[in-house]
N, C-alpha and C. Protein backbone atom coordinates (compact mmCIF):
# COMPACT_ATOMS: atom_id res chain seq x y z
N MET A 1 -43.52 -23.84 21.15
CA MET A 1 -41.88 -24.21 21.96
C MET A 1 -41.29 -24.20 20.70
N GLY A 2 -40.55 -24.84 20.65
CA GLY A 2 -39.87 -25.45 19.50
C GLY A 2 -38.68 -25.97 19.45
N PHE A 3 -38.10 -26.91 18.46
CA PHE A 3 -36.98 -27.72 18.23
C PHE A 3 -36.47 -26.66 16.75
N ALA A 4 -34.63 -26.30 17.62
CA ALA A 4 -34.14 -25.54 16.32
C ALA A 4 -32.35 -26.15 16.27
N LEU A 5 -32.48 -26.84 14.93
CA LEU A 5 -30.54 -27.46 14.58
C LEU A 5 -30.26 -26.30 14.23
N ARG A 6 -28.81 -26.25 13.41
CA ARG A 6 -28.32 -25.05 13.53
C ARG A 6 -26.58 -25.60 13.17
N SER A 7 -26.65 -25.62 11.78
CA SER A 7 -25.40 -26.16 10.77
C SER A 7 -24.85 -25.02 11.31
N LEU A 8 -23.30 -25.81 10.60
CA LEU A 8 -21.87 -24.22 10.25
C LEU A 8 -22.21 -22.96 9.93
N THR A 9 -23.18 -23.05 9.33
CA THR A 9 -23.23 -22.38 7.85
C THR A 9 -24.38 -20.84 8.45
N GLY A 10 -24.83 -21.44 9.57
CA GLY A 10 -25.76 -20.89 10.04
C GLY A 10 -27.29 -20.77 9.65
N ASP A 11 -27.17 -22.60 9.09
CA ASP A 11 -28.83 -22.40 8.44
C ASP A 11 -29.87 -23.22 10.21
N TYR A 12 -30.30 -22.65 10.06
CA TYR A 12 -31.51 -23.30 10.96
C TYR A 12 -32.47 -24.45 10.75
N ALA A 13 -32.42 -25.41 10.81
CA ALA A 13 -33.74 -26.70 10.51
C ALA A 13 -34.13 -26.18 11.88
N SER A 14 -35.54 -25.84 11.36
CA SER A 14 -36.58 -26.05 12.81
C SER A 14 -37.77 -27.00 12.58
N ARG A 15 -38.30 -27.83 13.48
CA ARG A 15 -39.95 -28.07 13.70
C ARG A 15 -40.69 -27.71 14.89
N LEU A 16 -41.76 -27.87 14.59
CA LEU A 16 -42.54 -27.46 15.70
C LEU A 16 -42.23 -28.91 16.58
N SER A 17 -42.62 -28.53 17.61
CA SER A 17 -42.46 -29.93 18.88
C SER A 17 -42.93 -29.88 19.89
N PRO A 18 -43.35 -30.35 20.88
CA PRO A 18 -43.84 -29.64 22.26
C PRO A 18 -43.13 -29.97 22.97
N ILE A 19 -41.86 -30.27 22.62
CA ILE A 19 -40.96 -30.47 23.43
C ILE A 19 -40.62 -28.71 24.31
N ALA A 20 -40.38 -28.86 25.91
CA ALA A 20 -40.28 -26.94 26.64
C ALA A 20 -39.14 -26.58 26.10
N TYR A 21 -37.90 -26.84 25.44
CA TYR A 21 -37.12 -26.64 25.56
C TYR A 21 -36.67 -26.41 24.29
N ASP A 22 -35.20 -25.52 23.71
CA ASP A 22 -34.72 -25.78 22.64
C ASP A 22 -33.74 -26.54 22.44
N VAL A 23 -33.19 -27.39 21.17
CA VAL A 23 -31.93 -28.04 21.49
C VAL A 23 -30.96 -27.34 20.25
N THR A 24 -30.27 -27.32 20.53
CA THR A 24 -28.98 -26.71 19.05
C THR A 24 -27.72 -27.70 18.94
N ALA A 25 -27.83 -27.84 17.93
CA ALA A 25 -26.29 -28.83 17.04
C ALA A 25 -27.01 -28.79 15.83
N PRO A 26 -25.33 -29.24 14.95
CA PRO A 26 -24.96 -29.47 13.84
C PRO A 26 -26.69 -29.79 12.78
N ALA A 27 -27.21 -29.21 12.19
CA ALA A 27 -28.15 -29.61 10.79
C ALA A 27 -28.04 -30.85 10.15
N ARG A 28 -26.28 -30.74 10.41
CA ARG A 28 -25.73 -32.07 8.85
C ARG A 28 -26.40 -33.36 9.70
N SER A 29 -25.91 -33.14 11.24
CA SER A 29 -25.99 -34.49 11.92
C SER A 29 -26.99 -34.82 11.89
N LEU A 30 -28.67 -34.30 11.55
CA LEU A 30 -29.92 -34.98 11.05
C LEU A 30 -29.90 -36.03 10.30
N PRO A 31 -30.34 -37.08 10.12
CA PRO A 31 -30.94 -37.56 9.28
C PRO A 31 -32.41 -37.35 8.78
N GLN A 32 -32.44 -37.39 7.35
CA GLN A 32 -33.25 -36.57 6.58
C GLN A 32 -35.11 -37.10 7.61
N THR A 33 -35.56 -36.24 7.81
CA THR A 33 -37.36 -35.71 8.19
C THR A 33 -37.90 -35.39 7.57
N HIS A 34 -39.20 -35.42 7.71
CA HIS A 34 -40.60 -35.50 6.49
C HIS A 34 -40.78 -34.36 7.68
N GLY A 35 -41.37 -32.80 6.74
CA GLY A 35 -41.37 -31.62 7.22
C GLY A 35 -40.62 -31.23 7.78
N LEU A 36 -39.42 -31.04 8.26
CA LEU A 36 -37.87 -30.22 8.42
C LEU A 36 -38.05 -29.21 7.50
N ARG A 37 -37.95 -28.48 8.23
CA ARG A 37 -37.91 -26.93 7.24
C ARG A 37 -36.54 -26.65 7.37
N ILE A 38 -35.85 -25.49 6.46
CA ILE A 38 -34.84 -24.82 6.87
C ILE A 38 -35.45 -23.08 6.53
N VAL A 39 -34.88 -22.88 7.68
CA VAL A 39 -34.74 -21.84 7.78
C VAL A 39 -33.27 -20.62 7.73
N HIS A 40 -32.63 -20.11 6.34
CA HIS A 40 -31.54 -19.44 6.07
C HIS A 40 -31.90 -18.03 6.58
N THR A 41 -30.59 -17.92 7.71
CA THR A 41 -29.85 -16.42 9.26
C THR A 41 -28.77 -16.12 8.65
N GLN A 42 -28.27 -15.14 8.15
CA GLN A 42 -27.07 -14.39 8.20
C GLN A 42 -26.64 -14.99 9.71
N PRO A 43 -25.13 -15.40 9.31
CA PRO A 43 -24.19 -15.40 10.77
C PRO A 43 -23.67 -14.17 11.86
N GLU A 44 -24.17 -14.03 12.80
CA GLU A 44 -23.58 -13.26 13.74
C GLU A 44 -22.34 -12.22 13.08
N ARG A 45 -22.72 -10.46 13.32
CA ARG A 45 -21.09 -9.98 12.97
C ARG A 45 -20.66 -9.65 13.91
N SER A 46 -19.51 -9.56 14.17
CA SER A 46 -18.51 -8.84 15.11
C SER A 46 -19.38 -7.33 14.21
N SER A 47 -19.23 -6.37 15.68
CA SER A 47 -19.12 -4.67 15.51
C SER A 47 -18.15 -4.46 14.62
N HIS A 48 -17.72 -4.48 14.25
CA HIS A 48 -16.77 -4.41 12.91
C HIS A 48 -16.94 -4.43 11.81
N GLU A 49 -17.94 -5.68 11.48
CA GLU A 49 -17.93 -5.65 10.29
C GLU A 49 -19.51 -5.28 9.96
N ILE A 50 -20.48 -4.99 10.79
CA ILE A 50 -21.43 -3.73 10.62
C ILE A 50 -20.89 -2.18 10.51
N PRO A 51 -21.49 -1.95 8.74
CA PRO A 51 -21.49 -0.70 8.45
C PRO A 51 -21.74 0.23 9.11
N CYS A 52 -21.77 1.18 10.27
CA CYS A 52 -21.86 2.19 10.93
C CYS A 52 -21.20 3.96 10.34
N GLY A 53 -19.27 3.80 9.79
CA GLY A 53 -19.24 4.95 9.42
C GLY A 53 -20.00 6.58 8.61
N ARG A 54 -20.06 7.31 9.53
CA ARG A 54 -20.52 8.42 9.08
C ARG A 54 -19.41 9.63 8.76
N GLY A 55 -18.81 10.10 7.78
CA GLY A 55 -17.72 11.11 7.93
C GLY A 55 -17.09 10.57 6.83
N THR A 56 -16.30 12.44 6.28
CA THR A 56 -15.11 11.78 5.34
C THR A 56 -14.07 11.88 6.01
N ILE A 57 -13.33 10.64 5.34
CA ILE A 57 -12.09 10.22 5.50
C ILE A 57 -11.12 10.63 4.83
N LEU A 58 -9.62 11.93 5.28
CA LEU A 58 -8.65 11.55 4.25
C LEU A 58 -8.00 10.58 4.97
N ALA A 59 -7.38 9.55 3.77
CA ALA A 59 -6.49 8.43 3.77
C ALA A 59 -4.98 9.09 3.43
N VAL A 60 -4.22 8.80 4.14
CA VAL A 60 -2.40 9.23 3.77
C VAL A 60 -1.23 8.58 4.04
N ASP A 61 -0.98 7.59 2.91
CA ASP A 61 0.10 6.85 3.53
C ASP A 61 0.97 6.55 1.39
N ASP A 62 2.30 6.99 2.11
CA ASP A 62 3.50 6.44 0.58
C ASP A 62 3.13 5.29 0.59
N GLU A 63 2.60 4.38 1.25
CA GLU A 63 3.04 3.03 1.02
C GLU A 63 1.55 2.24 0.53
N SER A 64 1.77 2.22 -0.76
CA SER A 64 0.56 1.98 -1.22
C SER A 64 -0.38 0.93 -0.63
N MET A 65 0.21 -0.75 0.07
CA MET A 65 -0.74 -1.38 0.39
C MET A 65 -0.72 -0.90 1.14
N VAL A 66 -0.32 -0.30 2.60
CA VAL A 66 -1.33 -0.02 3.93
C VAL A 66 -2.25 0.76 3.57
N ARG A 67 -2.32 1.99 2.80
CA ARG A 67 -2.96 3.11 2.44
C ARG A 67 -4.44 2.20 1.80
N GLN A 68 -4.24 1.54 0.91
CA GLN A 68 -5.30 0.21 0.02
C GLN A 68 -5.83 -0.34 1.44
N LEU A 69 -4.98 -0.68 2.49
CA LEU A 69 -5.74 -1.50 3.56
C LEU A 69 -6.38 -1.13 4.15
N MET A 70 -6.26 0.46 4.94
CA MET A 70 -6.73 1.22 4.96
C MET A 70 -8.16 1.51 4.66
N VAL A 71 -7.51 2.01 3.31
CA VAL A 71 -9.33 3.05 2.65
C VAL A 71 -10.46 1.59 2.34
N ALA A 72 -9.74 0.40 2.50
CA ALA A 72 -10.54 -0.95 2.73
C ALA A 72 -11.55 -1.45 3.53
N ALA A 73 -10.77 -1.13 4.98
CA ALA A 73 -11.58 -0.95 6.19
C ALA A 73 -12.25 0.40 5.88
N LEU A 74 -11.86 1.58 6.18
CA LEU A 74 -13.08 2.26 6.37
C LEU A 74 -14.04 2.58 5.24
N ARG A 75 -13.95 2.43 3.84
CA ARG A 75 -15.55 1.68 3.35
C ARG A 75 -15.60 1.07 3.38
N LYS A 76 -15.69 -0.45 4.17
CA LYS A 76 -16.22 -1.74 4.61
C LYS A 76 -17.25 -1.19 6.11
N GLN A 77 -16.98 0.10 6.25
CA GLN A 77 -17.47 1.01 7.31
C GLN A 77 -18.17 2.08 7.01
N GLY A 78 -18.56 1.87 6.00
CA GLY A 78 -19.87 2.67 5.47
C GLY A 78 -18.48 4.30 5.33
N TYR A 79 -17.41 4.62 5.34
CA TYR A 79 -16.70 6.09 5.48
C TYR A 79 -16.35 6.77 4.33
N ASP A 80 -17.10 7.37 4.12
CA ASP A 80 -16.61 8.23 2.79
C ASP A 80 -14.77 8.17 2.83
N VAL A 81 -14.56 7.96 1.86
CA VAL A 81 -12.41 8.01 1.83
C VAL A 81 -12.46 9.08 1.18
N ILE A 82 -11.48 9.78 0.86
CA ILE A 82 -9.82 10.31 0.15
C ILE A 82 -9.15 10.06 0.36
N GLU A 83 -8.57 9.03 -0.77
CA GLU A 83 -7.30 8.45 -0.22
C GLU A 83 -6.09 10.06 -0.99
N ALA A 84 -4.81 10.32 -0.20
CA ALA A 84 -3.54 10.40 -0.67
C ALA A 84 -2.57 9.83 -0.64
N SER A 85 -1.79 9.81 -1.87
CA SER A 85 -0.18 8.77 -2.13
C SER A 85 1.21 9.16 -1.41
N ASN A 86 0.92 10.64 -1.07
CA ASN A 86 2.26 11.59 -0.43
C ASN A 86 1.10 12.91 0.32
N GLY A 87 2.61 13.44 0.50
CA GLY A 87 1.86 14.68 1.52
C GLY A 87 1.95 15.82 0.65
N THR A 88 2.11 15.37 -0.35
CA THR A 88 1.87 16.75 -1.10
C THR A 88 0.69 16.77 -1.59
N GLU A 89 -0.10 15.94 -2.18
CA GLU A 89 -1.47 15.79 -2.65
C GLU A 89 -1.99 15.69 -1.44
N ALA A 90 -1.72 15.18 -0.58
CA ALA A 90 -2.66 15.26 0.80
C ALA A 90 -3.13 16.98 1.05
N LEU A 91 -1.49 17.61 0.74
CA LEU A 91 -1.94 19.07 0.95
C LEU A 91 -2.84 19.85 -0.20
N ARG A 92 -3.48 19.29 -1.50
CA ARG A 92 -3.74 19.89 -2.32
C ARG A 92 -5.28 19.31 -2.02
N ILE A 93 -5.05 18.61 -0.99
CA ILE A 93 -6.79 17.67 -0.95
C ILE A 93 -6.84 18.74 0.01
N ILE A 94 -6.31 18.90 1.66
CA ILE A 94 -6.67 19.79 2.77
C ILE A 94 -7.31 20.82 1.80
N GLU A 95 -6.35 21.97 1.33
CA GLU A 95 -6.76 23.09 0.38
C GLU A 95 -8.12 23.40 -0.11
N GLU A 96 -8.07 21.83 -1.23
CA GLU A 96 -9.11 22.43 -1.73
C GLU A 96 -10.76 22.12 -1.12
N GLN A 97 -10.74 20.92 -0.21
CA GLN A 97 -11.67 19.94 0.32
C GLN A 97 -11.96 19.78 1.54
N GLY A 98 -10.73 20.50 2.52
CA GLY A 98 -10.24 20.92 3.73
C GLY A 98 -11.98 20.44 4.66
N ASP A 99 -12.62 21.49 4.41
CA ASP A 99 -14.01 21.02 4.61
C ASP A 99 -14.75 20.34 4.77
N ARG A 100 -14.84 19.26 3.95
CA ARG A 100 -15.49 18.01 4.48
C ARG A 100 -14.28 17.19 5.51
N ILE A 101 -13.53 17.21 5.45
CA ILE A 101 -12.69 16.46 6.29
C ILE A 101 -12.81 16.26 7.23
N ASP A 102 -13.54 15.15 8.08
CA ASP A 102 -14.10 15.07 9.56
C ASP A 102 -12.50 14.53 10.44
N LEU A 103 -11.90 13.25 9.97
CA LEU A 103 -10.65 12.86 10.25
C LEU A 103 -9.65 13.05 9.15
N MET A 104 -8.47 12.74 9.28
CA MET A 104 -7.12 12.71 8.01
C MET A 104 -5.96 11.08 9.14
N VAL A 105 -6.25 10.13 8.99
CA VAL A 105 -5.41 8.93 8.69
C VAL A 105 -3.85 9.31 8.04
N SER A 106 -3.26 9.87 8.67
CA SER A 106 -2.16 10.15 7.67
C SER A 106 -0.50 8.97 7.94
N ASP A 107 0.38 8.54 7.18
CA ASP A 107 2.22 8.15 7.62
C ASP A 107 2.37 8.81 8.50
N VAL A 108 2.80 8.87 9.59
CA VAL A 108 3.87 10.76 9.86
C VAL A 108 5.22 10.84 9.60
N VAL A 109 6.19 9.78 8.38
CA VAL A 109 6.90 10.16 8.01
C VAL A 109 6.99 9.42 6.15
N MET A 110 6.64 11.05 5.72
CA MET A 110 6.53 10.46 4.10
C MET A 110 8.11 11.61 3.47
N PRO A 111 7.66 11.29 2.36
CA PRO A 111 9.01 12.83 1.13
C PRO A 111 7.91 13.96 1.63
N ARG A 112 8.83 14.97 1.77
CA ARG A 112 9.05 16.44 1.37
C ARG A 112 7.60 16.52 2.74
N ILE A 113 6.00 15.85 2.48
CA ILE A 113 5.87 16.92 3.80
C ILE A 113 4.91 15.33 4.55
N GLY A 114 5.44 15.88 6.47
CA GLY A 114 4.65 14.16 6.59
C GLY A 114 3.67 14.60 7.56
N GLY A 115 2.58 13.20 8.39
CA GLY A 115 1.31 13.46 8.79
C GLY A 115 1.42 14.53 9.88
N GLN A 116 2.27 14.99 10.53
CA GLN A 116 2.91 16.44 11.95
C GLN A 116 2.18 17.20 11.09
N GLU A 117 2.98 17.76 10.07
CA GLU A 117 2.30 18.74 9.39
C GLU A 117 1.55 18.73 8.69
N LEU A 118 1.06 17.97 7.82
CA LEU A 118 -0.73 18.18 7.49
C LEU A 118 -1.73 18.38 8.74
N ALA A 119 -1.50 17.90 9.50
CA ALA A 119 -2.09 18.11 10.87
C ALA A 119 -2.35 18.78 10.93
N ARG A 120 -1.76 19.75 10.98
CA ARG A 120 -1.65 21.34 11.32
C ARG A 120 -1.98 21.67 10.60
N ARG A 121 -1.76 21.70 8.95
CA ARG A 121 -2.25 22.36 7.86
C ARG A 121 -3.83 22.38 7.98
N LEU A 122 -4.15 20.90 8.19
CA LEU A 122 -5.42 20.54 8.33
C LEU A 122 -5.93 21.12 9.32
N HIS A 123 -5.55 21.56 11.02
CA HIS A 123 -6.45 22.07 12.02
C HIS A 123 -6.84 23.82 11.06
N GLU A 124 -6.34 24.38 10.46
CA GLU A 124 -5.88 25.30 9.82
C GLU A 124 -7.13 25.48 9.34
N SER A 125 -7.58 25.05 8.44
CA SER A 125 -8.87 25.22 7.44
C SER A 125 -10.64 25.14 8.15
N LYS A 126 -9.48 23.35 9.22
CA LYS A 126 -10.65 22.70 10.21
C LYS A 126 -9.90 21.92 11.75
N PRO A 127 -10.55 23.50 12.24
CA PRO A 127 -9.85 23.26 13.71
C PRO A 127 -10.01 22.15 14.16
N ASN A 128 -11.59 21.20 13.76
CA ASN A 128 -12.11 20.06 14.59
C ASN A 128 -12.09 18.96 14.00
N ALA A 129 -11.30 19.10 12.89
CA ALA A 129 -10.96 17.47 12.35
C ALA A 129 -10.19 16.71 13.48
N ALA A 130 -10.68 15.02 13.10
CA ALA A 130 -9.42 15.01 14.07
C ALA A 130 -8.57 14.15 13.54
N VAL A 131 -7.82 13.26 13.99
CA VAL A 131 -5.49 13.45 13.21
C VAL A 131 -5.40 11.53 14.43
N LEU A 132 -5.62 11.06 13.10
CA LEU A 132 -4.70 9.53 13.65
C LEU A 132 -3.72 9.37 13.26
N LEU A 133 -2.48 8.99 13.46
CA LEU A 133 -1.22 9.40 12.99
C LEU A 133 -0.94 7.91 13.26
N VAL A 134 -0.09 7.68 12.06
CA VAL A 134 -0.26 5.77 12.22
C VAL A 134 2.02 5.81 11.61
N THR A 135 2.44 4.60 12.31
CA THR A 135 3.77 4.43 12.23
C THR A 135 4.72 3.27 12.11
N GLY A 136 5.63 3.54 11.22
CA GLY A 136 6.75 1.93 11.18
C GLY A 136 7.33 2.48 12.52
N CYS A 137 7.90 3.67 13.01
CA CYS A 137 9.26 4.43 13.63
C CYS A 137 8.85 3.77 15.10
N SER A 138 9.92 3.88 15.91
CA SER A 138 9.33 4.04 17.06
C SER A 138 9.25 5.61 17.36
N GLU A 139 8.03 5.70 18.73
CA GLU A 139 8.19 7.46 19.04
C GLU A 139 8.76 7.78 19.54
N GLN A 140 9.98 7.79 20.25
CA GLN A 140 11.15 8.68 19.89
C GLN A 140 11.50 8.99 19.03
N MET A 141 11.63 7.73 17.45
CA MET A 141 12.34 8.36 16.21
C MET A 141 10.92 9.76 15.75
N VAL A 142 9.90 9.15 16.30
CA VAL A 142 8.60 10.54 15.38
C VAL A 142 9.09 11.75 16.23
N THR A 143 9.01 11.07 17.64
CA THR A 143 8.87 12.65 18.65
C THR A 143 10.26 13.57 18.83
N GLY A 144 11.46 12.64 18.41
CA GLY A 144 12.44 13.00 19.00
C GLY A 144 12.85 13.22 20.51
N THR A 145 11.34 12.84 21.46
CA THR A 145 11.63 12.47 22.25
C THR A 145 11.20 11.10 23.20
N SER A 146 11.65 10.63 24.45
CA SER A 146 10.62 9.82 24.87
C SER A 146 8.95 10.00 24.53
N ALA A 147 8.99 11.39 25.25
CA ALA A 147 7.45 11.59 26.19
C ALA A 147 7.01 12.49 23.70
N SER A 148 5.61 12.30 23.68
CA SER A 148 5.25 12.55 22.84
C SER A 148 4.90 13.70 22.57
N SER A 149 5.45 14.46 21.52
CA SER A 149 5.47 16.11 21.80
C SER A 149 4.37 16.65 21.29
N ASP A 150 3.32 15.90 20.65
CA ASP A 150 2.01 15.67 19.87
C ASP A 150 0.96 15.14 20.39
N ALA A 151 -0.08 15.72 19.94
CA ALA A 151 -1.49 15.95 21.02
C ALA A 151 -2.31 15.12 19.66
N HIS A 152 -1.39 14.95 18.88
CA HIS A 152 -2.39 13.75 18.10
C HIS A 152 -2.03 11.72 18.65
N PRO A 153 -3.37 10.97 18.59
CA PRO A 153 -3.45 9.61 18.39
C PRO A 153 -2.20 9.50 17.59
N LEU A 154 -1.47 8.05 17.96
CA LEU A 154 -0.33 7.38 17.44
C LEU A 154 -0.62 6.03 17.05
N LEU A 155 -1.01 6.21 16.54
CA LEU A 155 -1.07 4.12 16.21
C LEU A 155 0.25 3.44 15.65
N HIS A 156 0.81 2.49 15.85
CA HIS A 156 1.78 2.18 14.96
C HIS A 156 1.93 0.90 14.50
N LYS A 157 1.91 0.65 13.61
CA LYS A 157 2.48 -0.89 12.50
C LYS A 157 3.08 -1.39 12.86
N PRO A 158 3.39 -2.98 12.77
CA PRO A 158 1.52 -3.54 11.30
C PRO A 158 0.26 -3.16 12.90
N PHE A 159 -0.69 -3.21 12.30
CA PHE A 159 -1.52 -3.23 13.57
C PHE A 159 -2.58 -3.50 12.69
N ARG A 160 -3.92 -4.24 13.76
CA ARG A 160 -4.73 -4.45 13.00
C ARG A 160 -5.93 -4.35 12.21
N SER A 161 -6.20 -3.76 11.31
CA SER A 161 -7.44 -3.75 10.87
C SER A 161 -8.75 -3.61 11.93
N SER A 162 -8.89 -4.21 12.73
CA SER A 162 -9.57 -4.06 13.98
C SER A 162 -9.58 -2.74 14.41
N ASP A 163 -8.24 -3.19 15.18
CA ASP A 163 -7.66 -2.00 16.07
C ASP A 163 -7.99 -0.57 15.33
N PHE A 164 -7.95 -1.03 14.03
CA PHE A 164 -7.55 0.37 13.38
C PHE A 164 -8.87 1.85 13.13
N VAL A 165 -10.09 0.47 13.23
CA VAL A 165 -11.34 0.71 12.84
C VAL A 165 -11.90 1.10 13.97
N ASP A 166 -11.24 0.54 14.71
CA ASP A 166 -12.17 0.94 16.72
C ASP A 166 -11.38 2.13 16.88
N ARG A 167 -9.84 2.62 16.63
CA ARG A 167 -9.47 3.99 16.42
C ARG A 167 -10.36 4.83 15.99
N VAL A 168 -10.46 4.74 15.02
CA VAL A 168 -11.19 5.89 13.98
C VAL A 168 -12.76 5.99 15.04
N ASN A 169 -12.91 4.73 14.73
CA ASN A 169 -14.54 5.62 15.25
C ASN A 169 -14.90 5.21 16.28
N SER A 170 -13.94 5.76 17.34
CA SER A 170 -13.65 6.32 19.30
C SER A 170 -13.45 7.08 18.66
N LEU A 171 -12.52 7.94 17.56
CA LEU A 171 -11.63 9.32 17.11
C LEU A 171 -12.98 10.36 16.61
N LEU A 172 -13.76 9.35 16.31
CA LEU A 172 -14.91 10.47 15.90
C LEU A 172 -15.99 10.79 16.86
N GLU A 173 -16.50 9.46 17.63
CA GLU A 173 -17.76 9.40 18.21
C GLU A 173 -16.98 10.85 19.33
N ASN A 174 -15.84 10.70 19.82
CA ASN A 174 -15.35 11.66 20.43
C ASN A 174 -15.34 12.93 20.15
N ARG A 175 -14.58 13.77 18.67
CA ARG A 175 -15.25 14.53 18.18
C ARG A 175 -16.57 15.07 17.93
N ALA A 176 -17.48 14.38 17.89
CA ALA A 176 -19.08 14.06 17.91
C ALA A 176 -19.23 14.81 19.18
N ALA A 177 -18.91 14.09 20.59
CA ALA A 177 -18.93 14.86 21.92
C ALA A 177 -19.45 16.41 21.89
N LEU A 178 -18.22 16.83 21.16
CA LEU A 178 -17.68 18.80 21.37
C LEU A 178 -18.07 19.16 20.78
């Protein structure tokens, strides 16, 4: 049986004692004690912080800040990410590397070629690739009707990084189950 104290930084101060239960309290409240040892541990991580991504994702958005945030969140999860700053660049990547792409995340509304057209083109070269469309527009503006006519999931901006990562992970898990 032991005695353990934890500080806010995740350090445990522990000392063997004959006490039959554990006590947890911030280590900084302890007086200096002879025989006390500090055991360094990593703080517990949420599932969004644990890298688990496998696969290649094409991230397309003409807004550089949004694209950079998406790319950073995906790379933090361990995914290989290919970036495109517009639909034309994304189309070139799809034509050259479409067989590598497991999922495409694309803004719906972009100059020249939008996300829905990119999704159609990606499926021509890799039919089982997953697609996540993101937009700052209302669904009516995106589809022209109140009911979505597109089979691709839609994530509305602004979105939390955790929601974005959850959606990507879910889409790739569902794709892998097929």
